[in-house]
Amino acid sequence: MSNVKKNFIYNIMYQILVMILPLITAPYIARILGTEGVGIYSYTYSVAYYFVLFAMLGLNNYGNRQVAKVRDDKDKLSKTFISIYCMQLITSAIMIFCYIIYLRFFIKENLNIAIIQIIYLISTAFDINWFFFGLEKFKLTVTRNTIIKILTVICVFIFVKTRDDLYKYTLIMSIGTLISQLMIWPFVKKSVKFVKISIKDIFKHIKPCLILFIPVIAVSLYKIMDKVMIGNMSTMEQVGLYENSEKIVNILTALITALGTVMLPKISNLLANGEKEKSKQYIEKSMEFTIISSVAFTFGLMAIAKPFAPLFFGEEFKDAGIIIQYLAITTIFVAIANVIRTQYLIPNEKDKTFIISVSLGALVNIVFNLLLIPKYQALGAVIGTILAEFSVMIYQIMDVRKELPVFKYLKDNFKYFVLGIIMFFAVSVLHNLIENDALLVTIQVIIGVLIYATGFVIIQMIDLKEKNIIKLIQKLRVKYNI
């Protein structure tokens, strides 16, 4: 089995775990902490996350790419790792200090929860996932994260019992992240050796990191800032509704975009070895897989969202149903843009396109958030996110259309969009026939899977038949010189 297939399987296994664990904990936490408790955690985490972003300075993509380029030379690999990590230590220390200033002078409510989030920020100083992703050692990171996440879930059920236990939940989540980062360090010495570096070696990474940091911060404006803006312009209850709705959509999106995490170092390495055409073949296959899976998840989730939300999170989260339904639309936009970004823009160092696209998305999101959140609350932020993700995807498609036949990819796979729409309407009809939410969602999922799976098989059979006919025609032309 090739490294790509093995790494993709490891990543998919991990993403399935990431999907299953929230399915276990989210309903429990939603009922124990309520919309306000979930909202407070989400808000304080989102603020701390911004300090984490500045501490990392785009290192996840940059470090991954740089390590992938030199992984076959241990001396270069060692120097690259040590110099990049030294820079990471410096930026992390600066942002921890800045967060302490924020706590001292700017925080007024929920101070205890915000203080606990500093543990999450400290964990950033030890985050070297970018190094092992660049080496394509996904099994190591997946194993480590699996163990920690399972232990975290166990601790949540043991220690979080009432709404007053919000601080315990925050502590468990932040300590879990820190331990997860620390566990991987013993494996570093197997891949690198100590080499001397200079200040120049450290600071040469700042400029390229800052270039990749611009899109990271821009993306955060319509991924994380939504919750901060809802918290400041609406209520913590609305933050809680948005948080849990986004959690469901993100679970599905993570499964689809797992392929991009695997393919980034692979394609970076192919390009470094001059295998450009082979990289494009991978992109075409990735785009087909991405469209097939994202369409199925998007239309399936939209169809079951309204009865699913109160069934899963409790009646207090009933209004999350409409938010999930609209937010699911972004899955297709995110998935397509992810293929272009991780498999073409970043490996080919087309950072300008990446930066402009996500900056456009951030601008669109902020403008519509300011206009819509005061009136429509969490739903207003959802509309802003849909428009932002769509604008990012469209800009990237238009910019790379001469190098990548993206429109051809979309045209070739348009049949799956039709199949998804058919599934959506067929499943939605059941809303008026079944009153029990649990029974309704179960039957909807079964019928939806059957319709999409059957349609997929039929499409594949038709495609195979067409390909065989084309091959036959080509053979006849060669044989008879037509």
Protein backbone atom coordinates (compact mmCIF):
# COMPACT_ATOMS: atom_id res chain seq x y z
CA MET A 1 0.00 0.00 0.00
CA SER A 2 1.36 3.45 -0.93
CA ASN A 3 2.23 6.04 1.70
CA VAL A 4 -0.58 8.29 0.47
CA LYS A 5 -3.18 5.55 0.95
CA LYS A 6 -1.81 4.54 4.36
CA ASN A 7 -1.61 8.13 5.58
CA PHE A 8 -5.09 8.86 4.27
CA ILE A 9 -6.43 5.79 6.09
CA TYR A 10 -4.71 6.88 9.32
CA ASN A 11 -6.10 10.37 8.95
CA ILE A 12 -9.58 9.11 8.11
CA MET A 13 -9.50 6.76 11.12
CA TYR A 14 -8.55 9.70 13.30
CA GLN A 15 -11.22 11.94 11.78
CA ILE A 16 -13.81 9.21 12.38
CA LEU A 17 -12.70 9.14 16.01
CA VAL A 18 -12.93 12.94 16.12
CA MET A 19 -16.43 12.58 14.71
CA ILE A 20 -17.56 9.88 17.12
CA LEU A 21 -16.26 11.48 20.35
CA PRO A 22 -18.24 14.74 19.98
CA LEU A 23 -21.26 12.61 19.11
CA ILE A 24 -20.77 11.10 22.57
CA THR A 25 -19.82 14.21 24.57
CA ALA A 26 -21.68 17.07 22.81
CA PRO A 27 -25.21 15.94 23.84
CA TYR A 28 -24.02 15.42 27.41
CA ILE A 29 -22.23 18.78 27.62
CA ALA A 30 -25.16 20.57 25.95
CA ARG A 31 -27.57 19.23 28.57
CA ILE A 32 -25.22 19.73 31.54
CA LEU A 33 -23.86 23.22 30.72
CA GLY A 34 -26.80 24.55 28.67
CA THR A 35 -26.64 27.14 25.90
CA GLU A 36 -25.03 29.75 28.19
CA GLY A 37 -22.31 27.45 29.52
CA VAL A 38 -21.45 26.18 26.04
CA GLY A 39 -21.44 29.80 24.87
CA ILE A 40 -19.07 30.98 27.61
CA TYR A 41 -16.60 28.18 26.89
CA SER A 42 -16.79 28.82 23.16
CA TYR A 43 -16.30 32.58 23.57
CA THR A 44 -13.28 32.34 25.90
CA TYR A 45 -11.73 29.59 23.77
CA SER A 46 -12.20 31.70 20.64
CA VAL A 47 -10.40 34.66 22.21
CA ALA A 48 -7.52 32.43 23.39
CA TYR A 49 -7.40 30.92 19.93
CA TYR A 50 -6.48 34.29 18.46
CA PHE A 51 -3.42 34.46 20.70
CA VAL A 52 -2.55 30.92 19.57
CA LEU A 53 -2.78 32.03 15.94
CA PHE A 54 -0.30 34.83 16.52
CA ALA A 55 1.98 32.45 18.40
CA MET A 56 2.06 30.00 15.48
CA LEU A 57 2.34 32.62 12.70
CA GLY A 58 1.26 30.27 9.92
CA LEU A 59 3.77 27.62 10.98
CA ASN A 60 1.49 24.64 10.38
CA ASN A 61 1.51 25.08 6.61
CA TYR A 62 4.99 26.64 6.35
CA GLY A 63 6.71 24.11 8.61
CA ASN A 64 4.95 21.22 6.89
CA ARG A 65 6.11 22.44 3.48
CA GLN A 66 9.71 23.16 4.50
CA VAL A 67 10.17 19.83 6.28
CA ALA A 68 8.70 17.95 3.29
CA LYS A 69 11.30 19.57 1.02
CA VAL A 70 14.36 18.52 3.05
CA ARG A 71 13.22 15.33 4.77
CA ASP A 72 15.60 13.18 2.70
CA ASP A 73 18.66 15.04 4.04
CA LYS A 74 19.06 14.64 7.82
CA ASP A 75 21.47 17.58 8.19
CA LYS A 76 19.15 19.98 6.37
CA LEU A 77 16.13 18.51 8.15
CA SER A 78 17.74 19.03 11.57
CA LYS A 79 18.70 22.60 10.82
CA THR A 80 15.26 23.38 9.42
CA PHE A 81 13.44 21.91 12.41
CA ILE A 82 15.59 23.56 15.09
CA SER A 83 15.54 27.01 13.47
CA ILE A 84 11.78 26.96 12.89
CA TYR A 85 11.06 25.68 16.38
CA CYS A 86 13.25 28.35 17.99
CA MET A 87 11.17 30.96 16.22
CA GLN A 88 8.01 29.24 17.47
CA LEU A 89 9.28 29.38 21.08
CA ILE A 90 9.94 33.11 20.79
CA THR A 91 6.52 33.95 19.33
CA SER A 92 4.75 31.68 21.84
CA ALA A 93 6.46 33.39 24.80
CA ILE A 94 5.48 36.82 23.46
CA MET A 95 1.82 35.84 23.03
CA ILE A 96 1.59 34.22 26.48
CA PHE A 97 2.78 37.51 27.94
CA CYS A 98 0.24 39.43 25.84
CA TYR A 99 -2.57 37.14 27.00
CA ILE A 100 -1.66 37.80 30.63
CA ILE A 101 -1.93 41.54 29.90
CA TYR A 102 -5.34 40.91 28.32
CA LEU A 103 -6.50 39.04 31.43
CA ARG A 104 -5.25 41.77 33.75
CA PHE A 105 -6.68 44.83 32.02
CA PHE A 106 -9.43 43.85 29.58
CA ILE A 107 -11.38 40.86 30.84
CA LYS A 108 -14.45 41.70 32.98
CA GLU A 109 -16.68 38.62 32.91
CA ASN A 110 -15.93 34.90 33.21
CA LEU A 111 -12.36 35.65 34.34
CA ASN A 112 -11.76 32.20 35.88
CA ILE A 113 -12.62 30.43 32.63
CA ALA A 114 -10.42 32.82 30.64
CA ILE A 115 -7.51 32.19 33.03
CA ILE A 116 -7.78 28.43 32.57
CA GLN A 117 -7.58 28.91 28.78
CA ILE A 118 -3.96 30.06 29.24
CA ILE A 119 -3.03 26.35 29.51
CA TYR A 120 -4.28 25.93 25.94
CA LEU A 121 -2.10 28.84 24.88
CA ILE A 122 0.96 27.37 26.64
CA SER A 123 0.47 24.12 24.71
CA THR A 124 1.23 26.06 21.52
CA ALA A 125 4.89 26.30 22.53
CA PHE A 126 5.13 22.50 22.25
CA ASP A 127 3.04 22.00 19.10
CA ILE A 128 5.25 20.38 16.45
CA ASN A 129 2.59 18.56 14.43
CA TRP A 130 3.89 20.43 11.39
CA PHE A 131 7.20 18.54 11.68
CA PHE A 132 5.67 15.06 11.64
CA PHE A 133 3.14 15.99 8.95
CA GLY A 134 6.06 17.12 6.79
CA LEU A 135 7.71 13.73 7.36
CA GLU A 136 4.37 12.07 6.49
CA LYS A 137 4.41 10.25 9.85
CA PHE A 138 0.68 10.40 10.35
CA LYS A 139 0.44 7.14 12.28
CA LEU A 140 2.43 8.66 15.15
CA THR A 141 0.29 11.77 15.50
CA VAL A 142 -2.97 9.86 15.03
CA THR A 143 -2.09 7.31 17.73
CA ARG A 144 -1.11 10.00 20.20
CA ASN A 145 -4.23 12.11 19.60
CA THR A 146 -6.48 9.07 19.80
CA ILE A 147 -5.23 8.13 23.26
CA ILE A 148 -5.53 11.66 24.63
CA LYS A 149 -8.97 12.30 23.18
CA ILE A 150 -10.37 9.09 24.64
CA LEU A 151 -8.93 9.98 28.07
CA THR A 152 -10.38 13.49 27.75
CA VAL A 153 -13.85 12.10 27.08
CA ILE A 154 -13.62 9.79 30.08
CA CYS A 155 -12.61 12.73 32.31
CA VAL A 156 -15.54 14.82 31.04
CA PHE A 157 -18.05 12.16 32.08
CA ILE A 158 -16.37 11.61 35.44
CA PHE A 159 -15.89 15.22 36.57
CA VAL A 160 -18.46 17.40 34.76
CA LYS A 161 -21.80 16.91 36.51
CA THR A 162 -23.52 20.31 36.91
CA ARG A 163 -23.59 23.77 35.32
CA ASP A 164 -21.13 24.90 37.99
CA ASP A 165 -18.56 22.51 36.53
CA LEU A 166 -17.83 24.70 33.51
CA TYR A 167 -14.35 25.40 34.94
CA LYS A 168 -13.69 21.65 35.19
CA TYR A 169 -14.70 21.14 31.56
CA THR A 170 -12.41 23.98 30.46
CA LEU A 171 -9.56 22.57 32.53
CA ILE A 172 -9.97 19.07 31.09
CA MET A 173 -10.03 20.33 27.49
CA SER A 174 -7.00 22.63 27.87
CA ILE A 175 -4.85 20.12 29.81
CA GLY A 176 -5.75 17.45 27.25
CA THR A 177 -4.37 19.66 24.48
CA LEU A 178 -1.15 20.32 26.41
CA ILE A 179 -0.51 16.63 27.15
CA SER A 180 -1.22 15.77 23.53
CA GLN A 181 1.53 18.15 22.37
CA LEU A 182 4.03 16.92 24.96
CA MET A 183 3.58 13.23 24.15
CA ILE A 184 5.10 13.52 20.68
CA TRP A 185 8.43 15.03 21.76
CA PRO A 186 10.24 11.77 22.65
CA PHE A 187 10.04 10.79 18.96
CA VAL A 188 11.82 13.90 17.68
CA LYS A 189 15.34 12.62 18.43
CA LYS A 190 14.81 9.69 16.05
CA SER A 191 14.47 12.04 13.10
CA VAL A 192 16.81 14.94 13.87
CA LYS A 193 20.18 15.57 15.46
CA PHE A 194 21.47 18.62 17.28
CA VAL A 195 23.08 21.21 15.02
CA LYS A 196 24.20 24.73 15.73
CA ILE A 197 22.14 27.53 14.26
CA SER A 198 22.50 31.29 14.18
CA ILE A 199 20.06 34.11 14.85
CA LYS A 200 19.94 34.61 11.10
CA ASP A 201 18.79 31.01 10.63
CA ILE A 202 15.87 31.67 12.98
CA PHE A 203 14.75 35.02 11.64
CA LYS A 204 14.91 34.01 7.97
CA HIS A 205 11.68 32.09 8.56
CA ILE A 206 9.75 35.11 9.79
CA LYS A 207 8.96 36.68 6.42
CA PRO A 208 7.65 33.50 4.70
CA CYS A 209 5.74 32.60 7.88
CA LEU A 210 4.14 36.03 8.01
CA ILE A 211 3.08 35.65 4.38
CA LEU A 212 1.31 32.39 5.22
CA PHE A 213 0.03 33.89 8.48
CA ILE A 214 -2.05 36.48 6.62
CA PRO A 215 -4.41 33.86 5.18
CA VAL A 216 -4.50 32.02 8.53
CA ILE A 217 -5.67 35.12 10.37
CA ALA A 218 -8.03 35.96 7.52
CA VAL A 219 -9.61 32.50 7.68
CA SER A 220 -10.00 32.86 11.43
CA LEU A 221 -12.09 35.98 10.88
CA TYR A 222 -14.88 33.88 9.43
CA LYS A 223 -14.15 30.71 11.41
CA ILE A 224 -13.55 31.97 14.94
CA MET A 225 -14.40 35.68 14.95
CA ASP A 226 -18.05 34.78 14.31
CA LYS A 227 -18.38 33.55 17.89
CA VAL A 228 -16.55 36.54 19.32
CA MET A 229 -18.81 38.92 17.37
CA ILE A 230 -21.98 37.05 18.36
CA GLY A 231 -20.84 37.17 22.01
CA ASN A 232 -20.31 40.94 21.85
CA MET A 233 -23.34 41.81 19.68
CA SER A 234 -25.87 39.25 20.96
CA THR A 235 -25.94 36.77 23.87
CA MET A 236 -23.90 33.83 25.16
CA GLU A 237 -26.93 31.62 24.46
CA GLN A 238 -26.66 32.50 20.76
CA VAL A 239 -22.93 31.70 20.89
CA GLY A 240 -23.86 28.31 22.35
CA LEU A 241 -26.34 27.61 19.52
CA TYR A 242 -23.77 28.60 16.91
CA GLU A 243 -20.98 26.60 18.60
CA ASN A 244 -22.87 23.32 18.63
CA SER A 245 -24.23 23.83 15.12
CA GLU A 246 -20.74 24.51 13.80
CA LYS A 247 -19.43 21.49 15.71
CA ILE A 248 -21.71 19.15 13.75
CA VAL A 249 -20.81 20.69 10.39
CA ASN A 250 -17.10 20.74 11.24
CA ILE A 251 -17.13 17.02 12.01
CA LEU A 252 -18.20 16.25 8.45
CA THR A 253 -15.89 18.87 6.93
CA ALA A 254 -12.92 17.41 8.83
CA LEU A 255 -13.54 14.00 7.29
CA ILE A 256 -13.50 15.44 3.78
CA THR A 257 -10.52 17.76 4.23
CA ALA A 258 -8.42 15.01 5.88
CA LEU A 259 -7.21 14.17 2.37
CA GLY A 260 -5.68 17.65 2.01
CA THR A 261 -3.58 17.19 5.15
CA VAL A 262 -2.14 14.00 3.69
CA MET A 263 -1.64 15.32 0.16
CA LEU A 264 0.12 18.62 1.01
CA PRO A 265 3.51 17.08 1.94
CA LYS A 266 3.13 14.42 -0.77
CA ILE A 267 2.60 16.96 -3.56
CA SER A 268 5.25 19.31 -2.12
CA ASN A 269 7.72 16.43 -2.37
CA LEU A 270 6.60 15.53 -5.92
CA LEU A 271 7.09 19.12 -7.07
CA ALA A 272 10.50 19.29 -5.39
CA ASN A 273 11.44 16.26 -7.53
CA GLY A 274 10.01 17.74 -10.74
CA GLU A 275 6.96 15.44 -11.02
CA LYS A 276 4.42 18.15 -11.88
CA GLU A 277 2.12 16.05 -14.09
CA LYS A 278 1.86 13.32 -11.47
CA SER A 279 0.80 15.93 -8.90
CA LYS A 280 -2.03 17.05 -11.20
CA GLN A 281 -3.25 13.47 -11.50
CA TYR A 282 -3.52 13.32 -7.71
CA ILE A 283 -5.43 16.62 -7.67
CA GLU A 284 -7.98 15.35 -10.20
CA LYS A 285 -8.66 12.22 -8.15
CA SER A 286 -8.83 14.26 -4.95
CA MET A 287 -11.36 16.67 -6.45
CA GLU A 288 -13.63 13.81 -7.54
CA PHE A 289 -13.52 12.22 -4.09
CA THR A 290 -14.08 15.59 -2.42
CA ILE A 291 -17.15 16.47 -4.50
CA ILE A 292 -18.74 13.03 -4.10
CA SER A 293 -18.34 13.04 -0.30
CA SER A 294 -19.10 16.74 0.35
CA VAL A 295 -22.31 16.66 -1.69
CA ALA A 296 -23.52 13.57 0.19
CA PHE A 297 -22.76 15.10 3.60
CA THR A 298 -24.16 18.53 2.74
CA PHE A 299 -27.55 17.54 1.37
CA GLY A 300 -27.91 14.70 3.85
CA LEU A 301 -27.29 16.97 6.84
CA MET A 302 -29.56 19.69 5.47
CA ALA A 303 -32.38 17.17 5.19
CA ILE A 304 -32.18 15.90 8.80
CA ALA A 305 -31.01 19.08 10.61
CA LYS A 306 -34.31 20.29 12.12
CA PRO A 307 -35.36 17.08 13.90
CA PHE A 308 -31.74 16.15 14.63
CA ALA A 309 -30.80 19.26 16.68
CA PRO A 310 -33.30 18.90 19.59
CA LEU A 311 -32.93 15.11 19.51
CA PHE A 312 -29.15 15.30 19.79
CA PHE A 313 -28.53 18.37 21.97
CA GLY A 314 -31.85 18.65 23.85
CA GLU A 315 -34.84 20.96 23.49
CA GLU A 316 -32.77 23.96 24.66
CA PHE A 317 -30.89 23.69 21.35
CA LYS A 318 -33.97 23.32 19.12
CA ASP A 319 -33.15 26.56 17.26
CA ALA A 320 -29.79 25.08 16.26
CA GLY A 321 -31.63 23.03 13.61
CA ILE A 322 -32.04 25.91 11.16
CA ILE A 323 -28.46 27.06 11.83
CA ILE A 324 -27.08 23.58 11.03
CA GLN A 325 -29.21 23.46 7.88
CA TYR A 326 -27.77 26.68 6.48
CA LEU A 327 -24.23 26.14 7.78
CA ALA A 328 -24.08 22.75 6.03
CA ILE A 329 -24.00 24.59 2.68
CA THR A 330 -20.46 25.73 3.42
CA THR A 331 -19.18 22.13 3.42
CA ILE A 332 -19.06 21.97 -0.39
CA PHE A 333 -17.36 25.38 -0.71
CA VAL A 334 -14.78 24.55 1.97
CA ALA A 335 -14.05 21.10 0.51
CA ILE A 336 -13.41 22.33 -3.04
CA ALA A 337 -11.30 25.29 -1.87
CA ASN A 338 -9.35 22.95 0.41
CA VAL A 339 -8.24 20.80 -2.53
CA ILE A 340 -7.09 23.86 -4.47
CA ARG A 341 -5.33 25.34 -1.44
CA THR A 342 -3.57 22.30 0.06
CA GLN A 343 -2.81 20.47 -3.18
CA TYR A 344 -1.99 23.30 -5.55
CA LEU A 345 -1.56 26.76 -4.05
CA ILE A 346 0.57 25.93 -1.00
CA PRO A 347 2.78 23.21 -2.59
CA ASN A 348 3.41 25.51 -5.58
CA GLU A 349 4.10 28.44 -3.21
CA LYS A 350 1.33 30.52 -4.80
CA ASP A 351 0.85 32.31 -1.53
CA LYS A 352 -0.46 35.54 -3.12
CA THR A 353 -3.58 33.84 -4.47
CA PHE A 354 -4.17 32.12 -1.15
CA ILE A 355 -3.79 35.39 0.75
CA ILE A 356 -6.08 37.43 -1.51
CA SER A 357 -8.81 34.77 -1.55
CA VAL A 358 -9.07 34.36 2.22
CA SER A 359 -8.67 38.10 2.80
CA LEU A 360 -11.63 38.62 0.50
CA GLY A 361 -13.56 36.01 2.49
CA ALA A 362 -12.68 37.73 5.77
CA LEU A 363 -13.82 41.11 4.47
CA VAL A 364 -17.11 39.69 3.18
CA ASN A 365 -17.73 37.91 6.48
CA ILE A 366 -17.03 40.90 8.72
CA VAL A 367 -19.20 43.24 6.64
CA PHE A 368 -22.19 40.89 6.64
CA ASN A 369 -21.69 39.99 10.31
CA LEU A 370 -21.86 43.66 11.26
CA LEU A 371 -25.00 44.08 9.16
CA LEU A 372 -26.83 40.88 10.08
CA ILE A 373 -25.86 39.75 13.63
CA PRO A 374 -27.66 42.62 15.44
CA LYS A 375 -30.94 41.62 13.73
CA TYR A 376 -30.62 37.90 13.04
CA GLN A 377 -28.11 36.95 15.78
CA ALA A 378 -26.41 33.56 15.17
CA LEU A 379 -28.24 33.07 11.86
CA GLY A 380 -26.78 36.37 10.65
CA ALA A 381 -23.27 35.04 11.30
CA VAL A 382 -24.15 31.87 9.35
CA ILE A 383 -25.17 33.91 6.30
CA GLY A 384 -21.91 35.83 6.53
CA THR A 385 -19.95 32.56 6.70
CA ILE A 386 -21.75 31.10 3.65
CA LEU A 387 -20.97 34.18 1.57
CA ALA A 388 -17.37 34.24 2.82
CA GLU A 389 -16.66 30.59 1.99
CA PHE A 390 -18.30 30.97 -1.42
CA SER A 391 -16.22 34.03 -2.27
CA VAL A 392 -12.99 32.22 -1.26
CA MET A 393 -13.82 29.23 -3.44
CA ILE A 394 -14.81 31.32 -6.48
CA TYR A 395 -11.70 33.51 -6.30
CA GLN A 396 -9.38 30.50 -6.08
CA ILE A 397 -11.13 28.74 -8.96
CA MET A 398 -10.95 31.81 -11.20
CA ASP A 399 -7.30 32.44 -10.39
CA VAL A 400 -6.04 28.90 -11.09
CA ARG A 401 -8.36 28.05 -13.99
CA LYS A 402 -5.55 28.38 -16.57
CA GLU A 403 -3.25 25.98 -14.70
CA LEU A 404 -5.90 23.61 -13.30
CA PRO A 405 -9.05 22.60 -15.24
CA VAL A 406 -11.28 23.18 -12.20
CA PHE A 407 -14.38 23.88 -14.30
CA LYS A 408 -13.84 20.54 -16.04
CA TYR A 409 -13.63 18.84 -12.63
CA LEU A 410 -16.93 20.46 -11.64
CA LYS A 411 -18.59 19.62 -14.95
CA ASP A 412 -17.46 15.98 -14.85
CA ASN A 413 -18.85 15.61 -11.32
CA PHE A 414 -22.01 17.72 -11.71
CA LYS A 415 -24.08 14.52 -11.76
CA TYR A 416 -23.36 14.08 -8.05
CA PHE A 417 -24.89 17.49 -7.29
CA VAL A 418 -28.05 16.33 -9.07
CA LEU A 419 -27.99 13.09 -7.08
CA GLY A 420 -27.58 15.05 -3.84
CA ILE A 421 -30.58 17.27 -4.60
CA ILE A 422 -32.72 14.22 -5.40
CA MET A 423 -31.69 12.65 -2.08
CA PHE A 424 -32.46 15.88 -0.18
CA PHE A 425 -36.04 16.18 -1.46
CA ALA A 426 -36.74 12.47 -1.06
CA VAL A 427 -35.57 12.52 2.56
CA SER A 428 -37.24 15.88 3.39
CA VAL A 429 -40.67 14.53 2.41
CA LEU A 430 -40.55 12.24 5.44
CA HIS A 431 -40.85 15.26 7.81
CA ASN A 432 -44.61 15.29 7.26
CA LEU A 433 -45.08 11.55 7.66
CA ILE A 434 -43.30 10.72 10.94
CA GLU A 435 -43.78 12.59 14.22
CA ASN A 436 -41.24 10.86 16.46
CA ASP A 437 -37.87 12.64 15.96
CA ALA A 438 -35.71 9.61 16.78
CA LEU A 439 -37.59 7.36 14.36
CA LEU A 440 -37.70 10.13 11.75
CA VAL A 441 -33.93 10.79 11.78
CA THR A 442 -33.14 7.05 11.73
CA ILE A 443 -35.34 6.39 8.69
CA GLN A 444 -34.11 9.56 6.97
CA VAL A 445 -30.47 8.49 7.33
CA ILE A 446 -31.16 4.96 6.06
CA ILE A 447 -33.16 6.13 3.04
CA GLY A 448 -30.67 8.91 2.27
CA VAL A 449 -27.72 6.50 2.30
CA LEU A 450 -29.59 4.00 0.11
CA ILE A 451 -30.56 6.64 -2.46
CA TYR A 452 -27.08 8.17 -2.69
CA ALA A 453 -25.27 4.80 -2.69
CA THR A 454 -27.56 3.41 -5.38
CA GLY A 455 -27.16 6.55 -7.48
CA PHE A 456 -23.39 6.43 -7.05
CA VAL A 457 -23.21 2.80 -8.27
CA ILE A 458 -25.36 3.59 -11.30
CA ILE A 459 -23.21 6.61 -12.20
CA GLN A 460 -20.02 4.56 -11.87
CA MET A 461 -21.44 1.83 -14.11
CA ILE A 462 -22.43 4.36 -16.76
CA ASP A 463 -19.00 6.03 -16.59
CA LEU A 464 -17.25 2.69 -16.91
CA LYS A 465 -19.35 1.79 -19.93
CA GLU A 466 -18.58 5.14 -21.60
CA LYS A 467 -14.84 4.71 -20.95
CA ASN A 468 -14.88 1.23 -22.46
CA ILE A 469 -16.69 2.50 -25.56
CA ILE A 470 -14.14 5.31 -25.94
CA LYS A 471 -11.25 2.85 -25.61
CA LEU A 472 -12.87 0.57 -28.24
CA ILE A 473 -13.28 3.47 -30.67
CA GLN A 474 -9.65 4.50 -30.16
CA LYS A 475 -8.45 0.93 -30.87
CA LEU A 476 -10.55 0.77 -34.06
CA ARG A 477 -9.13 4.09 -35.24
CA VAL A 478 -5.59 2.86 -34.73
CA LYS A 479 -6.30 -0.51 -36.37
CA TYR A 480 -8.00 0.87 -39.48
CA ASN A 481 -6.13 4.22 -39.63
CA ILE A 482 -9.35 6.19 -39.29
